[in-house]
PDB file of N, CA and C in Angstrom:
ATOM      1  N   MET A   1     116.957 112.782  88.241  1.00  0.00           N
ATOM      2  CA  MET A   1     116.306 113.536  89.114  1.00  0.00           C
ATOM      3  C   MET A   1     114.840 113.444  89.538  1.00  0.00           C
ATOM      4  N   ARG A   2     114.778 113.401  91.139  1.00  0.00           N
ATOM      5  CA  ARG A   2     113.043 112.707  91.000  1.00  0.00           C
ATOM      6  C   ARG A   2     112.388 114.386  91.245  1.00  0.00           C
ATOM      7  N   ASN A   3     111.075 113.752  90.852  1.00  0.00           N
ATOM      8  CA  ASN A   3     110.481 114.961  90.977  1.00  0.00           C
ATOM      9  C   ASN A   3     109.474 114.443  91.841  1.00  0.00           C
ATOM     10  N   ALA A   4     108.331 115.270  92.306  1.00  0.00           N
ATOM     11  CA  ALA A   4     106.934 115.184  93.326  1.00  0.00           C
ATOM     12  C   ALA A   4     106.390 113.713  92.670  1.00  0.00           C
ATOM     13  N   GLU A   5     106.082 114.024  91.510  1.00  0.00           N
ATOM     14  CA  GLU A   5     105.251 112.808  90.881  1.00  0.00           C
ATOM     15  C   GLU A   5     105.833 111.517  91.239  1.00  0.00           C
ATOM     16  N   SER A   6     107.067 111.706  91.142  1.00  0.00           N
ATOM     17  CA  SER A   6     107.855 110.181  90.799  1.00  0.00           C
ATOM     18  C   SER A   6     108.221 109.862  92.592  1.00  0.00           C
ATOM     19  N   ASP A   7     107.779 110.351  93.464  1.00  0.00           N
ATOM     20  CA  ASP A   7     108.219 110.343  94.894  1.00  0.00           C
ATOM     21  C   ASP A   7     106.876 109.725  95.094  1.00  0.00           C
ATOM     22  N   MET A   8     106.194 110.095  94.902  1.00  0.00           N
ATOM     23  CA  MET A   8     104.803 109.908  95.098  1.00  0.00           C
ATOM     24  C   MET A   8     104.372 108.497  95.027  1.00  0.00           C
ATOM     25  N   ASP A   9     104.524 108.462  93.752  1.00  0.00           N
ATOM     26  CA  ASP A   9     104.534 107.074  93.051  1.00  0.00           C
ATOM     27  C   ASP A   9     105.421 105.682  93.758  1.00  0.00           C
ATOM     28  N   ARG A  10     106.789 106.221  94.446  1.00  0.00           N
ATOM     29  CA  ARG A  10     107.930 105.445  95.265  1.00  0.00           C
ATOM     30  C   ARG A  10     106.776 104.903  96.320  1.00  0.00           C
ATOM     31  N   GLU A  11     105.986 106.224  96.953  1.00  0.00           N
ATOM     32  CA  GLU A  11     105.632 106.115  98.470  1.00  0.00           C
ATOM     33  C   GLU A  11     104.724 104.982  98.021  1.00  0.00           C
ATOM     34  N   GLU A  12     103.530 105.143  97.053  1.00  0.00           N
ATOM     35  CA  GLU A  12     102.571 104.105  97.193  1.00  0.00           C
ATOM     36  C   GLU A  12     103.249 102.978  97.052  1.00  0.00           C
ATOM     37  N   LEU A  13     103.645 102.615  96.140  1.00  0.00           N
ATOM     38  CA  LEU A  13     104.505 101.418  95.649  1.00  0.00           C
ATOM     39  C   LEU A  13     105.200 100.880  96.613  1.00  0.00           C
ATOM     40  N   GLU A  14     105.789 101.476  97.909  1.00  0.00           N
ATOM     41  CA  GLU A  14     106.542 101.152  99.035  1.00  0.00           C
ATOM     42  C   GLU A  14     105.356 100.681  99.882  1.00  0.00           C
ATOM     43  N   ARG A  15     103.881 101.330 100.128  1.00  0.00           N
ATOM     44  CA  ARG A  15     103.203 101.190 100.981  1.00  0.00           C
ATOM     45  C   ARG A  15     102.379  99.968 100.262  1.00  0.00           C
ATOM     46  N   LYS A  16     102.324  99.995  98.983  1.00  0.00           N
ATOM     47  CA  LYS A  16     101.697  98.519  98.146  1.00  0.00           C
ATOM     48  C   LYS A  16     102.677  97.171  98.661  1.00  0.00           C
ATOM     49  N   ARG A  17     103.634  97.214  98.887  1.00  0.00           N
ATOM     50  CA  ARG A  17     104.459  96.462  98.446  1.00  0.00           C
ATOM     51  C   ARG A  17     104.684  95.665 100.080  1.00  0.00           C
ATOM     52  N   GLN A  18     104.561  96.705 101.117  1.00  0.00           N
ATOM     53  CA  GLN A  18     104.467  96.196 102.492  1.00  0.00           C
ATOM     54  C   GLN A  18     103.156  95.577 102.424  1.00  0.00           C
ATOM     55  N   GLU A  19     102.144  96.149 101.823  1.00  0.00           N
ATOM     56  CA  GLU A  19     100.448  95.499 102.192  1.00  0.00           C
ATOM     57  C   GLU A  19     100.753  93.883 101.824  1.00  0.00           C
ATOM     58  N   LEU A  20     101.390  94.049 100.705  1.00  0.00           N
ATOM     59  CA  LEU A  20     101.243  92.322  99.678  1.00  0.00           C
ATOM     60  C   LEU A  20     102.064  91.921 100.802  1.00  0.00           C
ATOM     61  N   ARG A  21     102.946  92.254 101.292  1.00  0.00           N
ATOM     62  CA  ARG A  21     103.749  91.250 102.053  1.00  0.00           C
ATOM     63  C   ARG A  21     103.396  90.946 103.418  1.00  0.00           C
ATOM     64  N   ASP A  22     102.711  91.656 104.202  1.00  0.00           N
ATOM     65  CA  ASP A  22     101.756  91.426 105.107  1.00  0.00           C
ATOM     66  C   ASP A  22     100.993  90.417 105.003  1.00  0.00           C
ATOM     67  N   ARG A  23     100.356  90.722 104.075  1.00  0.00           N
ATOM     68  CA  ARG A  23      99.070  89.834 103.345  1.00  0.00           C
ATOM     69  C   ARG A  23      99.201  88.621 102.982  1.00  0.00           C
ATOM     70  N   LEU A  24     101.003  88.309 102.644  1.00  0.00           N
ATOM     71  CA  LEU A  24     101.705  86.772 102.141  1.00  0.00           C
ATOM     72  C   LEU A  24     101.805  86.187 103.520  1.00  0.00           C
ATOM     73  N   ALA A  25     102.622  87.193 104.224  1.00  0.00           N
ATOM     74  CA  ALA A  25     102.483  86.802 105.657  1.00  0.00           C
ATOM     75  C   ALA A  25     101.655  86.067 106.426  1.00  0.00           C
ATOM     76  N   ALA A  26     100.610  86.519 106.298  1.00  0.00           N
ATOM     77  CA  ALA A  26      98.381  85.751 106.895  1.00  0.00           C
ATOM     78  C   ALA A  26      98.732  84.966 106.254  1.00  0.00           C
ATOM     79  N   ILE A  27      98.818  84.548 104.726  1.00  0.00           N
ATOM     80  CA  ILE A  27      98.156  83.687 104.384  1.00  0.00           C
ATOM     81  C   ILE A  27      98.852  82.157 104.360  1.00  0.00           C
ATOM     82  N   ARG A  28     100.480  82.550 105.282  1.00  0.00           N
ATOM     83  CA  ARG A  28     101.652  81.608 104.970  1.00  0.00           C
ATOM     84  C   ARG A  28     101.133  81.480 106.911  1.00  0.00           C
ATOM     85  N   ARG A  29     100.931  82.096 107.627  1.00  0.00           N
ATOM     86  CA  ARG A  29     100.241  81.512 108.841  1.00  0.00           C
ATOM     87  C   ARG A  29      99.099  80.317 109.005  1.00  0.00           C
ATOM     88  N   ASP A  30      98.407  81.234 107.894  1.00  0.00           N
ATOM     89  CA  ASP A  30      97.232  80.440 107.751  1.00  0.00           C
ATOM     90  C   ASP A  30      97.247  79.536 107.094  1.00  0.00           C
ATOM     91  N   LEU A  31      98.233  78.859 106.211  1.00  0.00           N
ATOM     92  CA  LEU A  31      98.444  77.524 105.305  1.00  0.00           C
ATOM     93  C   LEU A  31      99.070  76.672 106.753  1.00  0.00           C
ATOM     94  N   GLY A  32      99.594  77.132 107.477  1.00  0.00           N
ATOM     95  CA  GLY A  32     100.920  76.334 108.035  1.00  0.00           C
ATOM     96  C   GLY A  32     100.198  76.286 109.186  1.00  0.00           C
ATOM     97  N   GLY A  33      98.879  76.472 109.815  1.00  0.00           N
ATOM     98  CA  GLY A  33      97.889  76.042 110.912  1.00  0.00           C
ATOM     99  C   GLY A  33      97.678  74.581 111.165  1.00  0.00           C
ATOM    100  N   GLY A  34      97.800  73.706 109.707  1.00  0.00           N
ATOM    101  CA  GLY A  34      97.214  72.251 110.333  1.00  0.00           C
ATOM    102  C   GLY A  34      95.946  72.462 110.187  1.00  0.00           C
ATOM    103  N   LEU A  35      95.564  70.834 110.431  1.00  0.00           N
ATOM    104  CA  LEU A  35      94.272  70.250 110.150  1.00  0.00           C
ATOM    105  C   LEU A  35      93.348  69.976 112.100  1.00  0.00           C
ATOM    106  N   THR A  36      92.258  70.171 111.698  1.00  0.00           N
ATOM    107  CA  THR A  36      91.610  69.653 112.567  1.00  0.00           C
ATOM    108  C   THR A  36      91.614  67.919 113.168  1.00  0.00           C
ATOM    109  N   ARG A  37      90.975  67.528 113.885  1.00  0.00           N
ATOM    110  CA  ARG A  37      90.545  66.109 114.149  1.00  0.00           C
ATOM    111  C   ARG A  37      89.383  65.656 113.120  1.00  0.00           C
ATOM    112  N   ASP A  38      88.540  66.771 113.306  1.00  0.00           N
ATOM    113  CA  ASP A  38      87.247  66.427 112.723  1.00  0.00           C
ATOM    114  C   ASP A  38      86.944  66.382 111.057  1.00  0.00           C
ATOM    115  N   LEU A  39      86.698  65.318 110.818  1.00  0.00           N
ATOM    116  CA  LEU A  39      86.545  65.347 109.189  1.00  0.00           C
ATOM    117  C   LEU A  39      85.878  66.352 108.808  1.00  0.00           C
ATOM    118  N   GLU A  40      84.584  66.624 108.761  1.00  0.00           N
ATOM    119  CA  GLU A  40      83.999  67.764 108.637  1.00  0.00           C
ATOM    120  C   GLU A  40      84.472  69.186 108.103  1.00  0.00           C
ATOM    121  N   ASP A  41      85.386  69.126 109.209  1.00  0.00           N
ATOM    122  CA  ASP A  41      85.850  70.327 109.178  1.00  0.00           C
ATOM    123  C   ASP A  41      87.620  70.031 108.784  1.00  0.00           C
ATOM    124  N   GLN A  42      87.916  69.342 108.330  1.00  0.00           N
ATOM    125  CA  GLN A  42      89.206  69.462 107.854  1.00  0.00           C
ATOM    126  C   GLN A  42      88.653  69.239 105.997  1.00  0.00           C
ATOM    127  N   ALA A  43      87.802  68.824 105.708  1.00  0.00           N
ATOM    128  CA  ALA A  43      87.247  69.090 104.539  1.00  0.00           C
ATOM    129  C   ALA A  43      87.229  70.653 103.777  1.00  0.00           C
ATOM    130  N   GLN A  44      86.581  71.472 104.769  1.00  0.00           N
ATOM    131  CA  GLN A  44      86.500  73.100 104.954  1.00  0.00           C
ATOM    132  C   GLN A  44      87.313  73.130 104.823  1.00  0.00           C
ATOM    133  N   GLN A  45      88.332  72.821 105.553  1.00  0.00           N
ATOM    134  CA  GLN A  45      90.167  73.591 105.803  1.00  0.00           C
ATOM    135  C   GLN A  45      90.698  73.098 104.350  1.00  0.00           C
ATOM    136  N   LEU A  46      90.798  72.186 104.264  1.00  0.00           N
ATOM    137  CA  LEU A  46      90.956  72.045 102.673  1.00  0.00           C
ATOM    138  C   LEU A  46      90.724  72.900 101.199  1.00  0.00           C
ATOM    139  N   GLU A  47      89.352  73.039 101.200  1.00  0.00           N
ATOM    140  CA  GLU A  47      88.831  73.946 100.503  1.00  0.00           C
ATOM    141  C   GLU A  47      89.850  74.815 100.286  1.00  0.00           C
ATOM    142  N   ASN A  48      89.312  76.086 101.792  1.00  0.00           N
ATOM    143  CA  ASN A  48      89.893  76.947 101.954  1.00  0.00           C
ATOM    144  C   ASN A  48      91.528  77.050 101.714  1.00  0.00           C
ATOM    145  N   GLN A  49      92.047  76.017 101.794  1.00  0.00           N
ATOM    146  CA  GLN A  49      93.745  76.557 101.741  1.00  0.00           C
ATOM    147  C   GLN A  49      93.913  75.638 100.025  1.00  0.00           C
ATOM    148  N   ASP A  50      92.789  75.202  99.196  1.00  0.00           N
ATOM    149  CA  ASP A  50      93.127  75.788  97.353  1.00  0.00           C
ATOM    150  C   ASP A  50      92.833  77.229  97.163  1.00  0.00           C
ATOM    151  N   THR A  51      91.771  78.081  98.273  1.00  0.00           N
ATOM    152  CA  THR A  51      91.540  79.386  98.104  1.00  0.00           C
ATOM    153  C   THR A  51      92.286  80.293  98.395  1.00  0.00           C
ATOM    154  N   LEU A  52      93.619  79.645  99.594  1.00  0.00           N
ATOM    155  CA  LEU A  52      94.330  80.464 100.201  1.00  0.00           C
ATOM    156  C   LEU A  52      95.476  80.655  99.007  1.00  0.00           C
ATOM    157  N   MET A  53      96.178  79.031  98.616  1.00  0.00           N
ATOM    158  CA  MET A  53      96.868  79.150  98.043  1.00  0.00           C
ATOM    159  C   MET A  53      96.812  80.078  96.402  1.00  0.00           C
ATOM    160  N   GLU A  54      95.473  80.217  96.042  1.00  0.00           N
ATOM    161  CA  GLU A  54      95.441  80.919  94.195  1.00  0.00           C
ATOM    162  C   GLU A  54      95.643  82.337  95.330  1.00  0.00           C
ATOM    163  N   ILE A  55      95.378  82.630  96.335  1.00  0.00           N
ATOM    164  CA  ILE A  55      95.331  84.052  96.405  1.00  0.00           C
ATOM    165  C   ILE A  55      96.653  84.268  96.981  1.00  0.00           C
ATOM    166  N   ALA A  56      97.378  83.743  97.539  1.00  0.00           N
ATOM    167  CA  ALA A  56      98.973  83.831  97.715  1.00  0.00           C
ATOM    168  C   ALA A  56      99.679  83.486  96.394  1.00  0.00           C
ATOM    169  N   ARG A  57      99.019  83.000  95.506  1.00  0.00           N
ATOM    170  CA  ARG A  57      99.732  83.205  93.854  1.00  0.00           C
ATOM    171  C   ARG A  57      99.568  84.330  93.357  1.00  0.00           C
ATOM    172  N   VAL A  58      98.551  84.998  93.246  1.00  0.00           N
ATOM    173  CA  VAL A  58      97.887  86.365  92.466  1.00  0.00           C
ATOM    174  C   VAL A  58      98.803  87.201  93.416  1.00  0.00           C
ATOM    175  N   THR A  59      99.073  86.996  94.786  1.00  0.00           N
ATOM    176  CA  THR A  59      99.589  87.948  95.589  1.00  0.00           C
ATOM    177  C   THR A  59     101.445  88.545  95.342  1.00  0.00           C
ATOM    178  N   GLU A  60     101.728  87.165  94.990  1.00  0.00           N
ATOM    179  CA  GLU A  60     103.051  86.920  94.430  1.00  0.00           C
ATOM    180  C   GLU A  60     103.288  87.552  93.368  1.00  0.00           C
ATOM    181  N   GLN A  61     102.553  87.505  92.826  1.00  0.00           N
ATOM    182  CA  GLN A  61     102.884  88.114  91.376  1.00  0.00           C
ATOM    183  C   GLN A  61     102.224  89.297  91.168  1.00  0.00           C
ATOM    184  N   GLU A  62     101.699  89.866  92.144  1.00  0.00           N
ATOM    185  CA  GLU A  62     101.699  91.229  92.031  1.00  0.00           C
ATOM    186  C   GLU A  62     102.844  91.987  92.680  1.00  0.00           C
ATOM    187  N   LEU A  63     103.372  91.454  94.026  1.00  0.00           N
ATOM    188  CA  LEU A  63     104.411  91.774  94.575  1.00  0.00           C
ATOM    189  C   LEU A  63     105.838  92.176  93.743  1.00  0.00           C
ATOM    190  N   GLU A  64     105.744  90.752  92.794  1.00  0.00           N
ATOM    191  CA  GLU A  64     106.751  91.092  91.948  1.00  0.00           C
ATOM    192  C   GLU A  64     106.391  92.407  90.653  1.00  0.00           C
ATOM    193  N   ARG A  65     105.479  92.559  90.475  1.00  0.00           N
ATOM    194  CA  ARG A  65     105.471  93.731  89.285  1.00  0.00           C
ATOM    195  C   ARG A  65     106.016  94.769  90.449  1.00  0.00           C
ATOM    196  N   VAL A  66     105.141  94.968  91.486  1.00  0.00           N
ATOM    197  CA  VAL A  66     105.764  96.225  92.366  1.00  0.00           C
ATOM    198  C   VAL A  66     107.287  96.412  92.772  1.00  0.00           C
ATOM    199  N   GLU A  67     107.939  95.141  92.666  1.00  0.00           N
ATOM    200  CA  GLU A  67     109.286  95.247  92.988  1.00  0.00           C
ATOM    201  C   GLU A  67     110.024  95.557  91.966  1.00  0.00           C
ATOM    202  N   ARG A  68     109.286  95.050  90.763  1.00  0.00           N
ATOM    203  CA  ARG A  68     109.867  95.656  89.618  1.00  0.00           C
ATOM    204  C   ARG A  68     110.003  97.166  89.299  1.00  0.00           C
ATOM    205  N   ALA A  69     108.835  97.625  89.353  1.00  0.00           N
ATOM    206  CA  ALA A  69     108.141  98.926  89.138  1.00  0.00           C
ATOM    207  C   ALA A  69     109.219  99.619  89.901  1.00  0.00           C
ATOM    208  N   LEU A  70     109.715  99.237  91.569  1.00  0.00           N
ATOM    209  CA  LEU A  70     110.597  99.908  92.358  1.00  0.00           C
ATOM    210  C   LEU A  70     111.831 100.260  91.810  1.00  0.00           C
ATOM    211  N   SER A  71     112.384  98.809  90.960  1.00  0.00           N
ATOM    212  CA  SER A  71     113.687  98.812  90.626  1.00  0.00           C
ATOM    213  C   SER A  71     113.768  99.733  89.189  1.00  0.00           C
ATOM    214  N   ALA A  72     112.897  99.946  88.950  1.00  0.00           N
ATOM    215  CA  ALA A  72     112.767 100.731  87.564  1.00  0.00           C
ATOM    216  C   ALA A  72     113.052 102.250  88.117  1.00  0.00           C
ATOM    217  N   LEU A  73     112.314 102.270  88.931  1.00  0.00           N
ATOM    218  CA  LEU A  73     112.275 103.838  89.825  1.00  0.00           C
ATOM    219  C   LEU A  73     114.054 104.085  89.967  1.00  0.00           C
ATOM    220  N   ASP A  74     114.623 103.232  90.449  1.00  0.00           N
ATOM    221  CA  ASP A  74     115.963 102.964  90.885  1.00  0.00           C
ATOM    222  C   ASP A  74     116.472 103.170  89.972  1.00  0.00           C
ATOM    223  N   ARG A  75     116.412 102.706  88.888  1.00  0.00           N
ATOM    224  CA  ARG A  75     117.433 102.810  87.499  1.00  0.00           C
ATOM    225  C   ARG A  75     117.214 103.989  87.101  1.00  0.00           C
ATOM    226  N   GLY A  76     115.769 104.619  87.217  1.00  0.00           N
ATOM    227  CA  GLY A  76     115.741 106.184  86.699  1.00  0.00           C
ATOM    228  C   GLY A  76     114.749 105.736  85.252  1.00  0.00           C
ATOM    229  N   ASP A  77     114.577 104.378  85.131  1.00  0.00           N
ATOM    230  CA  ASP A  77     113.557 104.292  84.147  1.00  0.00           C
ATOM    231  C   ASP A  77     111.965 104.882  83.847  1.00  0.00           C
ATOM    232  N   GLY A  78     111.439 104.702  85.359  1.00  0.00           N
ATOM    233  CA  GLY A  78     110.607 105.238  85.646  1.00  0.00           C
ATOM    234  C   GLY A  78     109.404 105.056  85.584  1.00  0.00           C
ATOM    235  N   GLY A  79     109.412 103.204  85.363  1.00  0.00           N
ATOM    236  CA  GLY A  79     108.635 102.228  85.497  1.00  0.00           C
ATOM    237  C   GLY A  79     108.290 101.336  84.282  1.00  0.00           C
TER     238      GLY A  79
END
């Protein structure tokens, strides 16, 4: 049986999951953009790619935690 608190937690987790999915999609778009012809710009783009890849890694880890929490709620484990 679900109570108001667990429903609120579920709503928050579902919102967070969508936010994380949107963030990952934006990062993947940025990473897939390719490099410019200008060598200076390419150097900056490559530095930015390293940063984006790390942000994506951390975001994926957070998304996995949210998915596990939602699964636990589905099973009735409460998280």
